[in-house]
């Protein structure tokens, strides 16, 4: 149980770091985003939205683990 919480917290942190890195890029720049084992070219805005969605998902899972 504690391992699952720690893994989710690490996952959240890595996505938050990715969002911070994406925020430092110019909006007109293209970036590559991993989807499965393949990288796809996308915009900074779409990549940030995807990372934020993954952060929200990890937070929801963590809240479910913390619920009694």
PDB file of N, CA and C in Angstrom:
ATOM      1  N   UNK A   1       0.824  -1.197   0.000  1.00  0.00           N
ATOM      2  CA  UNK A   1       0.000   0.000   0.000  1.00  0.00           C
ATOM      3  C   UNK A   1       0.866   1.258   0.000  1.00  0.00           C
ATOM      4  N   UNK A   2       1.859   1.285   0.889  1.00  0.00           N
ATOM      5  CA  UNK A   2       2.744   2.447   0.949  1.00  0.00           C
ATOM      6  C   UNK A   2       3.589   2.554  -0.315  1.00  0.00           C
ATOM      7  N   UNK A   3       3.966   1.403  -0.892  1.00  0.00           N
ATOM      8  CA  UNK A   3       4.735   1.417  -2.136  1.00  0.00           C
ATOM      9  C   UNK A   3       3.912   2.020  -3.265  1.00  0.00           C
ATOM     10  N   UNK A   4       2.632   1.701  -3.304  1.00  0.00           N
ATOM     11  CA  UNK A   4       1.752   2.241  -4.338  1.00  0.00           C
ATOM     12  C   UNK A   4       1.629   3.758  -4.191  1.00  0.00           C
ATOM     13  N   UNK A   5       1.508   4.229  -2.954  1.00  0.00           N
ATOM     14  CA  UNK A   5       1.425   5.671  -2.713  1.00  0.00           C
ATOM     15  C   UNK A   5       2.706   6.361  -3.133  1.00  0.00           C
ATOM     16  N   UNK A   6       3.841   5.767  -2.797  1.00  0.00           N
ATOM     17  CA  UNK A   6       5.127   6.350  -3.153  1.00  0.00           C
ATOM     18  C   UNK A   6       5.297   6.390  -4.670  1.00  0.00           C
ATOM     19  N   UNK A   7       4.907   5.328  -5.353  1.00  0.00           N
ATOM     20  CA  UNK A   7       4.990   5.288  -6.813  1.00  0.00           C
ATOM     21  C   UNK A   7       4.115   6.367  -7.447  1.00  0.00           C
ATOM     22  N   UNK A   8       2.911   6.548  -6.913  1.00  0.00           N
ATOM     23  CA  UNK A   8       2.019   7.583  -7.447  1.00  0.00           C
ATOM     24  C   UNK A   8       2.579   8.980  -7.203  1.00  0.00           C
ATOM     25  N   UNK A   9       3.178   9.185  -6.046  1.00  0.00           N
ATOM     26  CA  UNK A   9       3.765  10.493  -5.759  1.00  0.00           C
ATOM     27  C   UNK A   9       4.947  10.775  -6.691  1.00  0.00           C
ATOM     28  N   UNK A  10       5.752   9.757  -6.976  1.00  0.00           N
ATOM     29  CA  UNK A  10       6.875   9.918  -7.910  1.00  0.00           C
ATOM     30  C   UNK A  10       6.362  10.212  -9.315  1.00  0.00           C
ATOM     31  N   UNK A  11       5.298   9.508  -9.700  1.00  0.00           N
ATOM     32  CA  UNK A  11       4.707   9.720 -11.020  1.00  0.00           C
ATOM     33  C   UNK A  11       4.177  11.154 -11.138  1.00  0.00           C
ATOM     34  N   UNK A  12       3.477  11.614 -10.103  1.00  0.00           N
ATOM     35  CA  UNK A  12       2.963  12.982 -10.101  1.00  0.00           C
ATOM     36  C   UNK A  12       4.096  13.984 -10.221  1.00  0.00           C
ATOM     37  N   UNK A  13       5.151  13.767  -9.458  1.00  0.00           N
ATOM     38  CA  UNK A  13       6.285  14.693  -9.466  1.00  0.00           C
ATOM     39  C   UNK A  13       6.939  14.748 -10.850  1.00  0.00           C
ATOM     40  N   UNK A  14       7.084  13.602 -11.499  1.00  0.00           N
ATOM     41  CA  UNK A  14       7.718  13.600 -12.823  1.00  0.00           C
ATOM     42  C   UNK A  14       6.855  14.346 -13.842  1.00  0.00           C
ATOM     43  N   UNK A  15       5.533  14.210 -13.747  1.00  0.00           N
ATOM     44  CA  UNK A  15       4.654  14.941 -14.663  1.00  0.00           C
ATOM     45  C   UNK A  15       4.666  16.437 -14.348  1.00  0.00           C
ATOM     46  N   UNK A  16       4.754  16.785 -13.073  1.00  0.00           N
ATOM     47  CA  UNK A  16       4.838  18.204 -12.704  1.00  0.00           C
ATOM     48  C   UNK A  16       6.132  18.820 -13.218  1.00  0.00           C
ATOM     49  N   UNK A  17       7.226  18.082 -13.170  1.00  0.00           N
ATOM     50  CA  UNK A  17       8.502  18.564 -13.706  1.00  0.00           C
ATOM     51  C   UNK A  17       8.392  18.750 -15.214  1.00  0.00           C
ATOM     52  N   UNK A  18       7.731  17.799 -15.882  1.00  0.00           N
ATOM     53  CA  UNK A  18       7.546  17.910 -17.333  1.00  0.00           C
ATOM     54  C   UNK A  18       6.744  19.163 -17.677  1.00  0.00           C
ATOM     55  N   UNK A  19       5.723  19.464 -16.892  1.00  0.00           N
ATOM     56  CA  UNK A  19       4.920  20.673 -17.119  1.00  0.00           C
ATOM     57  C   UNK A  19       5.787  21.918 -16.935  1.00  0.00           C
ATOM     58  N   UNK A  20       6.611  21.933 -15.895  1.00  0.00           N
ATOM     59  CA  UNK A  20       7.491  23.079 -15.657  1.00  0.00           C
ATOM     60  C   UNK A  20       8.473  23.258 -16.815  1.00  0.00           C
ATOM     61  N   UNK A  21       8.999  22.166 -17.317  1.00  0.00           N
ATOM     62  CA  UNK A  21       9.915  22.238 -18.468  1.00  0.00           C
ATOM     63  C   UNK A  21       9.183  22.755 -19.701  1.00  0.00           C
ATOM     64  N   UNK A  22       7.972  22.285 -19.925  1.00  0.00           N
ATOM     65  CA  UNK A  22       7.200  22.747 -21.080  1.00  0.00           C
ATOM     66  C   UNK A  22       6.850  24.227 -20.964  1.00  0.00           C
ATOM     67  N   UNK A  23       6.637  24.710 -19.732  1.00  0.00           N
ATOM     68  CA  UNK A  23       6.338  26.127 -19.528  1.00  0.00           C
ATOM     69  C   UNK A  23       7.512  27.020 -19.911  1.00  0.00           C
ATOM     70  N   UNK A  24       8.724  26.476 -19.889  1.00  0.00           N
ATOM     71  CA  UNK A  24       9.897  27.292 -20.213  1.00  0.00           C
ATOM     72  C   UNK A  24      10.140  27.391 -21.719  1.00  0.00           C
ATOM     73  N   UNK A  25       9.374  26.655 -22.516  1.00  0.00           N
ATOM     74  CA  UNK A  25       9.544  26.687 -23.968  1.00  0.00           C
ATOM     75  C   UNK A  25       8.641  27.727 -24.607  1.00  0.00           C
ATOM     76  N   UNK A  26       9.061  28.189 -25.776  1.00  0.00           N
ATOM     77  CA  UNK A  26       8.207  29.108 -26.540  1.00  0.00           C
ATOM     78  C   UNK A  26       6.960  28.351 -27.003  1.00  0.00           C
ATOM     79  N   UNK A  27       5.804  28.997 -26.982  1.00  0.00           N
ATOM     80  CA  UNK A  27       4.560  28.318 -27.391  1.00  0.00           C
ATOM     81  C   UNK A  27       4.571  27.847 -28.846  1.00  0.00           C
ATOM     82  N   UNK A  28       5.365  28.490 -29.696  1.00  0.00           N
ATOM     83  CA  UNK A  28       5.378  28.114 -31.114  1.00  0.00           C
ATOM     84  C   UNK A  28       6.284  26.924 -31.404  1.00  0.00           C
ATOM     85  N   UNK A  29       7.007  26.467 -30.407  1.00  0.00           N
ATOM     86  CA  UNK A  29       7.951  25.373 -30.609  1.00  0.00           C
ATOM     87  C   UNK A  29       7.240  24.019 -30.654  1.00  0.00           C
ATOM     88  N   UNK A  30       7.748  23.138 -31.473  1.00  0.00           N
ATOM     89  CA  UNK A  30       7.224  21.764 -31.525  1.00  0.00           C
ATOM     90  C   UNK A  30       7.983  20.909 -30.522  1.00  0.00           C
ATOM     91  N   UNK A  31       7.282  19.960 -29.943  1.00  0.00           N
ATOM     92  CA  UNK A  31       7.895  19.032 -28.990  1.00  0.00           C
ATOM     93  C   UNK A  31       7.486  17.620 -29.369  1.00  0.00           C
ATOM     94  N   UNK A  32       8.189  16.661 -28.805  1.00  0.00           N
ATOM     95  CA  UNK A  32       7.840  15.260 -29.019  1.00  0.00           C
ATOM     96  C   UNK A  32       7.264  14.699 -27.737  1.00  0.00           C
ATOM     97  N   UNK A  33       6.174  13.967 -27.884  1.00  0.00           N
ATOM     98  CA  UNK A  33       5.502  13.378 -26.734  1.00  0.00           C
ATOM     99  C   UNK A  33       5.417  11.872 -26.939  1.00  0.00           C
ATOM    100  N   UNK A  34       5.753  11.138 -25.886  1.00  0.00           N
ATOM    101  CA  UNK A  34       5.735   9.682 -25.972  1.00  0.00           C
ATOM    102  C   UNK A  34       4.327   9.153 -25.787  1.00  0.00           C
ATOM    103  N   UNK A  35       3.934   8.269 -26.684  1.00  0.00           N
ATOM    104  CA  UNK A  35       2.648   7.598 -26.605  1.00  0.00           C
ATOM    105  C   UNK A  35       2.923   6.117 -26.835  1.00  0.00           C
ATOM    106  N   UNK A  36       2.964   5.349 -25.745  1.00  0.00           N
ATOM    107  CA  UNK A  36       3.371   3.947 -25.846  1.00  0.00           C
ATOM    108  C   UNK A  36       4.879   3.894 -26.036  1.00  0.00           C
ATOM    109  N   UNK A  37       5.316   3.252 -27.089  1.00  0.00           N
ATOM    110  CA  UNK A  37       6.742   3.174 -27.388  1.00  0.00           C
ATOM    111  C   UNK A  37       7.145   4.077 -28.537  1.00  0.00           C
ATOM    112  N   UNK A  38       6.248   4.950 -28.967  1.00  0.00           N
ATOM    113  CA  UNK A  38       6.498   5.813 -30.120  1.00  0.00           C
ATOM    114  C   UNK A  38       6.384   7.272 -29.693  1.00  0.00           C
ATOM    115  N   UNK A  39       7.244   8.114 -30.272  1.00  0.00           N
ATOM    116  CA  UNK A  39       7.200   9.550 -30.008  1.00  0.00           C
ATOM    117  C   UNK A  39       6.486  10.247 -31.158  1.00  0.00           C
ATOM    118  N   UNK A  40       5.576  11.163 -30.805  1.00  0.00           N
ATOM    119  CA  UNK A  40       4.824  11.916 -31.787  1.00  0.00           C
ATOM    120  C   UNK A  40       5.116  13.401 -31.614  1.00  0.00           C
ATOM    121  N   UNK A  41       5.189  14.099 -32.723  1.00  0.00           N
ATOM    122  CA  UNK A  41       5.409  15.538 -32.697  1.00  0.00           C
ATOM    123  C   UNK A  41       4.095  16.231 -32.367  1.00  0.00           C
ATOM    124  N   UNK A  42       4.150  17.200 -31.452  1.00  0.00           N
ATOM    125  CA  UNK A  42       2.941  17.906 -31.034  1.00  0.00           C
ATOM    126  C   UNK A  42       3.315  19.326 -30.619  1.00  0.00           C
ATOM    127  N   UNK A  43       2.329  20.083 -30.171  1.00  0.00           N
ATOM    128  CA  UNK A  43       2.580  21.451 -29.714  1.00  0.00           C
ATOM    129  C   UNK A  43       2.830  21.451 -28.208  1.00  0.00           C
ATOM    130  N   UNK A  44       3.398  22.531 -27.729  1.00  0.00           N
ATOM    131  CA  UNK A  44       3.659  22.677 -26.295  1.00  0.00           C
ATOM    132  C   UNK A  44       2.339  22.650 -25.522  1.00  0.00           C
ATOM    133  N   UNK A  45       1.310  23.311 -26.047  1.00  0.00           N
ATOM    134  CA  UNK A  45       0.028  23.378 -25.348  1.00  0.00           C
ATOM    135  C   UNK A  45      -0.602  21.996 -25.205  1.00  0.00           C
ATOM    136  N   UNK A  46      -0.571  21.206 -26.257  1.00  0.00           N
ATOM    137  CA  UNK A  46      -1.161  19.863 -26.200  1.00  0.00           C
ATOM    138  C   UNK A  46      -0.374  18.965 -25.257  1.00  0.00           C
ATOM    139  N   UNK A  47       0.942  19.112 -25.267  1.00  0.00           N
ATOM    140  CA  UNK A  47       1.777  18.299 -24.375  1.00  0.00           C
ATOM    141  C   UNK A  47       1.506  18.668 -22.917  1.00  0.00           C
ATOM    142  N   UNK A  48       1.367  19.984 -22.625  1.00  0.00           N
ATOM    143  CA  UNK A  48       1.063  20.415 -21.257  1.00  0.00           C
ATOM    144  C   UNK A  48      -0.296  19.901 -20.811  1.00  0.00           C
ATOM    145  N   UNK A  49      -1.279  19.951 -21.689  1.00  0.00           N
ATOM    146  CA  UNK A  49      -2.617  19.464 -21.358  1.00  0.00           C
ATOM    147  C   UNK A  49      -2.579  17.968 -21.046  1.00  0.00           C
ATOM    148  N   UNK A  50      -1.823  17.227 -21.821  1.00  0.00           N
ATOM    149  CA  UNK A  50      -1.716  15.782 -21.591  1.00  0.00           C
ATOM    150  C   UNK A  50      -1.016  15.490 -20.262  1.00  0.00           C
ATOM    151  N   UNK A  51       0.052  16.206 -19.973  1.00  0.00           N
ATOM    152  CA  UNK A  51       0.765  16.016 -18.705  1.00  0.00           C
ATOM    153  C   UNK A  51      -0.125  16.379 -17.520  1.00  0.00           C
ATOM    154  N   UNK A  52      -0.900  17.467 -17.646  1.00  0.00           N
ATOM    155  CA  UNK A  52      -1.795  17.874 -16.566  1.00  0.00           C
ATOM    156  C   UNK A  52      -2.874  16.826 -16.335  1.00  0.00           C
ATOM    157  N   UNK A  53      -3.358  16.224 -17.415  1.00  0.00           N
ATOM    158  CA  UNK A  53      -4.359  15.164 -17.300  1.00  0.00           C
ATOM    159  C   UNK A  53      -3.789  13.973 -16.536  1.00  0.00           C
ATOM    160  N   UNK A  54      -2.523  13.651 -16.786  1.00  0.00           N
ATOM    161  CA  UNK A  54      -1.888  12.538 -16.094  1.00  0.00           C
ATOM    162  C   UNK A  54      -1.652  12.867 -14.616  1.00  0.00           C
ATOM    163  N   UNK A  55      -1.334  14.131 -14.312  1.00  0.00           N
ATOM    164  CA  UNK A  55      -1.183  14.558 -12.914  1.00  0.00           C
ATOM    165  C   UNK A  55      -2.521  14.414 -12.193  1.00  0.00           C
ATOM    166  N   UNK A  56      -3.585  14.879 -12.828  1.00  0.00           N
ATOM    167  CA  UNK A  56      -4.915  14.792 -12.220  1.00  0.00           C
ATOM    168  C   UNK A  56      -5.325  13.340 -11.981  1.00  0.00           C
ATOM    169  N   UNK A  57      -5.003  12.476 -12.929  1.00  0.00           N
ATOM    170  CA  UNK A  57      -5.324  11.059 -12.787  1.00  0.00           C
ATOM    171  C   UNK A  57      -4.557  10.447 -11.614  1.00  0.00           C
ATOM    172  N   UNK A  58      -3.289  10.768 -11.499  1.00  0.00           N
ATOM    173  CA  UNK A  58      -2.481  10.234 -10.394  1.00  0.00           C
ATOM    174  C   UNK A  58      -2.986  10.754  -9.053  1.00  0.00           C
ATOM    175  N   UNK A  59      -3.397  12.023  -9.002  1.00  0.00           N
ATOM    176  CA  UNK A  59      -3.945  12.589  -7.760  1.00  0.00           C
ATOM    177  C   UNK A  59      -5.219  11.867  -7.353  1.00  0.00           C
ATOM    178  N   UNK A  60      -6.074  11.571  -8.332  1.00  0.00           N
ATOM    179  CA  UNK A  60      -7.326  10.870  -8.040  1.00  0.00           C
ATOM    180  C   UNK A  60      -7.040   9.469  -7.499  1.00  0.00           C
ATOM    181  N   UNK A  61      -6.077   8.783  -8.089  1.00  0.00           N
ATOM    182  CA  UNK A  61      -5.715   7.447  -7.611  1.00  0.00           C
ATOM    183  C   UNK A  61      -5.161   7.517  -6.183  1.00  0.00           C
ATOM    184  N   UNK A  62      -4.349   8.538  -5.925  1.00  0.00           N
ATOM    185  CA  UNK A  62      -3.767   8.705  -4.587  1.00  0.00           C
ATOM    186  C   UNK A  62      -4.850   8.984  -3.564  1.00  0.00           C
ATOM    187  N   UNK A  63      -5.827   9.805  -3.912  1.00  0.00           N
ATOM    188  CA  UNK A  63      -6.936  10.088  -3.001  1.00  0.00           C
ATOM    189  C   UNK A  63      -7.745   8.828  -2.711  1.00  0.00           C
ATOM    190  N   UNK A  64      -7.934   7.982  -3.725  1.00  0.00           N
ATOM    191  CA  UNK A  64      -8.662   6.727  -3.498  1.00  0.00           C
ATOM    192  C   UNK A  64      -7.897   5.812  -2.566  1.00  0.00           C
ATOM    193  N   UNK A  65      -6.568   5.807  -2.656  1.00  0.00           N
ATOM    194  CA  UNK A  65      -5.764   4.975  -1.752  1.00  0.00           C
ATOM    195  C   UNK A  65      -5.801   5.511  -0.325  1.00  0.00           C
ATOM    196  N   UNK A  66      -5.892   6.842  -0.179  1.00  0.00           N
ATOM    197  CA  UNK A  66      -5.922   7.454   1.143  1.00  0.00           C
ATOM    198  C   UNK A  66      -7.283   7.386   1.808  1.00  0.00           C
ATOM    199  N   UNK A  67      -8.321   7.157   1.011  1.00  0.00           N
ATOM    200  CA  UNK A  67      -9.679   7.109   1.571  1.00  0.00           C
ATOM    201  C   UNK A  67      -9.835   5.864   2.441  1.00  0.00           C
ATOM    202  N   UNK A  68     -10.556   6.013   3.572  1.00  0.00           N
ATOM    203  CA  UNK A  68     -10.732   4.856   4.472  1.00  0.00           C
ATOM    204  C   UNK A  68     -11.647   3.797   3.923  1.00  0.00           C
TER     205      UNK A  68
END
